[in-house]
Protein backbone atom coordinates (compact mmCIF):
# COMPACT_ATOMS: atom_id res chain seq x y z
CA MET A 1 163.73 95.57 113.77
CA SER A 2 164.48 97.18 117.17
CA VAL A 3 168.13 96.88 118.56
CA GLY A 4 166.54 95.54 121.49
CA HIS A 5 165.19 92.56 119.89
CA ARG A 6 167.25 89.02 120.08
CA VAL A 7 166.59 86.60 117.16
CA GLY A 8 165.80 83.47 119.72
CA SER A 9 164.93 80.98 116.71
CA ASP A 10 165.55 79.64 113.41
CA HIS A 11 161.80 80.78 112.22
CA GLN A 12 162.67 84.36 113.65
CA LEU A 13 166.22 84.52 111.61
CA ALA A 14 164.45 83.21 108.75
CA ARG A 15 161.72 85.88 108.75
CA LEU A 16 164.24 88.63 109.31
CA LEU A 17 166.49 87.29 106.58
CA GLN A 18 163.54 87.34 104.18
CA ILE A 19 163.02 91.04 105.10
CA GLY A 20 166.03 91.49 103.95
CA ILE A 21 165.84 89.90 100.79
CA VAL A 22 162.82 92.21 100.32
CA LEU A 23 164.69 95.10 101.27
CA GLU A 24 167.60 94.29 98.57
CA GLU A 25 164.69 93.84 95.74
CA VAL A 26 163.32 97.42 96.79
CA VAL A 27 167.07 98.95 96.69
CA GLU A 28 167.26 97.31 93.32
CA ALA A 29 163.95 98.19 92.34
CA ARG A 30 164.57 101.66 93.00
CA ALA A 31 168.29 101.98 91.17
CA TYR A 32 166.59 100.38 88.01
CA HIS A 33 163.89 102.99 88.30
CA HIS A 34 165.99 105.87 88.31
CA TYR A 35 168.44 104.99 85.85
CA GLN A 36 165.46 104.01 83.25
CA SER A 37 164.30 107.51 84.75
CA LEU A 38 167.78 108.57 83.16
CA SER A 39 167.23 110.20 79.48
CA ALA A 40 169.96 108.95 76.92
CA ASP A 41 171.50 112.30 76.89
CA GLU A 42 172.11 112.06 80.68
CA ARG A 43 173.29 108.54 80.53
CA GLU A 44 176.19 109.53 78.36
CA LEU A 45 177.19 112.75 80.47
CA ASP A 46 176.77 110.91 83.52
CA ALA A 47 178.47 107.81 83.64
CA GLU A 48 179.46 107.57 87.37
CA ILE A 49 175.56 107.87 88.07
CA GLU A 50 174.60 105.18 85.94
CA GLN A 51 177.72 103.01 87.47
CA LEU A 52 176.22 103.61 90.31
CA LEU A 53 173.09 102.67 89.95
CA GLU A 54 174.39 99.50 87.97
CA HIS A 55 176.48 98.35 91.12
CA ALA A 56 173.66 98.81 93.31
CA ALA A 57 171.59 96.70 91.65
CA ASP A 58 174.00 93.86 90.77
CA GLU A 59 175.07 94.43 94.64
CA SER A 60 171.42 93.72 95.57
CA ALA A 61 171.21 90.76 93.46
CA ASP A 62 174.03 89.34 95.06
CA HIS A 63 172.88 89.64 98.81
CA ARG A 64 169.72 88.54 98.15
CA GLN A 65 171.59 85.34 96.77
CA ARG A 66 173.38 85.07 99.95
CA LEU A 67 170.64 85.61 102.41
CA GLU A 68 168.66 83.14 100.06
CA ALA A 69 171.53 80.58 100.86
CA ILE A 70 171.53 81.05 104.37
CA ILE A 71 167.45 80.26 104.41
CA ASP A 72 167.94 77.22 102.77
CA GLU A 73 169.70 76.13 105.71
CA LEU A 74 167.49 77.04 108.27
CA ASP A 75 165.32 74.83 109.79
CA ALA A 76 162.21 76.56 109.56
CA GLU A 77 159.35 76.96 107.02
CA SER A 78 159.22 80.32 104.76
CA ILE A 79 157.16 83.11 105.19
CA PRO A 80 154.96 83.67 102.06
CA PHE A 81 156.82 86.60 99.74
CA GLU A 82 153.49 88.90 100.39
CA ASP A 83 153.15 88.88 104.45
CA ILE A 84 156.94 90.00 104.32
CA GLU A 85 156.53 92.60 100.71
CA THR A 86 153.47 93.62 103.65
CA LEU A 87 155.91 94.31 106.96
CA VAL A 88 158.67 95.43 104.74
CA GLU A 89 156.08 98.39 103.08
CA ALA A 90 154.95 99.29 106.70
CA ARG A 91 158.34 99.54 108.10
CA TYR A 92 160.77 100.92 104.81
CA GLY A 93 158.40 101.87 101.85
CA LYS A 94 157.06 105.28 103.48
CA THR A 95 158.94 106.75 100.63
CA LYS A 96 158.99 106.51 96.95
CA PRO A 97 161.97 106.75 94.92
CA ASP A 98 160.96 110.59 93.78
CA ASP A 99 160.49 111.75 97.20
CA PHE A 100 163.57 112.47 97.18
CA ASP A 101 165.42 115.61 95.93
CA GLY A 102 167.64 113.43 93.26
CA VAL A 103 168.87 110.61 92.34
CA LEU A 104 171.88 110.38 95.07
CA TYR A 105 169.68 111.33 97.73
CA ASP A 106 167.25 108.48 97.16
CA GLN A 107 170.28 105.84 96.63
CA LEU A 108 171.82 107.76 100.08
CA CYS A 109 168.33 106.41 101.99
CA ASN A 110 168.67 102.90 100.39
CA GLU A 111 172.15 102.04 101.30
CA GLU A 112 171.70 103.40 104.66
CA THR A 113 168.41 102.22 105.66
CA ALA A 114 169.96 98.47 104.77
CA TYR A 115 172.87 98.96 106.70
CA LYS A 116 170.70 99.88 109.73
CA PHE A 117 169.19 96.85 109.03
CA TYR A 118 172.17 94.76 109.00
CA ASP A 119 173.47 96.38 111.74
CA ASP A 120 170.51 95.83 114.00
CA LEU A 121 170.43 91.92 112.95
CA ILE A 122 173.64 91.63 113.68
CA GLU A 123 173.45 93.07 117.29
CA GLY A 124 169.90 91.10 117.56
CA ILE A 125 171.88 87.98 116.68
CA GLU A 126 174.71 88.31 118.86
CA ALA A 127 172.56 89.42 121.91
CA SER A 128 170.65 85.83 121.59
CA ASP A 129 172.33 82.34 123.05
CA ALA A 130 170.12 80.65 120.44
CA LEU A 131 171.54 77.89 118.66
CA PHE A 132 170.37 77.70 114.89
CA SER A 133 170.95 75.01 112.19
CA VAL A 134 173.27 76.78 110.45
CA LYS A 135 176.80 77.89 111.64
CA ARG A 136 176.52 81.32 113.69
CA ASP A 137 179.73 82.05 113.15
CA ARG A 138 179.21 81.98 108.83
CA LEU A 139 176.22 83.92 109.52
CA LEU A 140 177.59 86.66 111.06
CA SER A 141 180.26 86.42 108.85
CA VAL A 142 177.87 86.93 105.34
CA LEU A 143 175.93 89.56 107.67
CA ARG A 144 179.40 91.47 108.34
CA ASP A 145 180.44 91.14 104.60
CA ILE A 146 177.00 92.32 103.91
CA ARG A 147 176.76 95.18 106.02
CA ALA A 148 180.32 96.25 104.94
CA GLU A 149 179.33 96.52 101.45
CA GLU A 150 176.54 98.31 102.82
CA ALA A 151 178.59 101.05 104.29
CA GLN A 152 181.23 101.37 101.13
CA GLY A 153 177.55 101.94 99.52
CA VAL A 154 177.09 104.91 101.64
CA GLU A 155 180.59 106.25 101.22
CA GLU A 156 180.42 106.11 97.40
CA VAL A 157 176.85 108.18 97.54
CA THR A 158 178.54 110.62 99.73
CA LYS A 159 181.96 110.78 98.25
CA ILE A 160 179.48 111.53 94.73
CA MET A 161 177.35 113.86 96.84
CA GLU A 162 180.39 116.01 98.09
CA THR A 163 181.69 116.57 94.61
CA ARG A 164 178.86 117.78 92.95
CA GLU A 165 177.71 120.75 95.81
């Protein structure tokens, strides 16, 4: 989503929120992939990364539930999951979990991508004068909370990376 876009209807908002849900699913799947790639010895030796991946997966599941709750309140038809998945893959799925030099770099990319998506979405809603079937204040509050959690995730990953240099 470009910063220049305004969110002008329930339908467009639902589509964008569905993209957010798929992004969260990608983050959760990649965290799970990395967790599964750690050997039992690595898990014991690196509890910090294990905890980071577990937290990322839990947070993504929570974000999906919050976004789904908003979508349920919108006066818009849902877009087929396959269509949204294709859009997300085209825009955000250019890299795979193993494309990065390590779990932390991939996790940092995931957190930054999600933060930027929510930042752009908030900006698009704020730039619009459209009336939505959900209260704008509540919508923006939920999105700002999610964006803040993504920013915190970026900080946590960065902190861990800095201690390992």
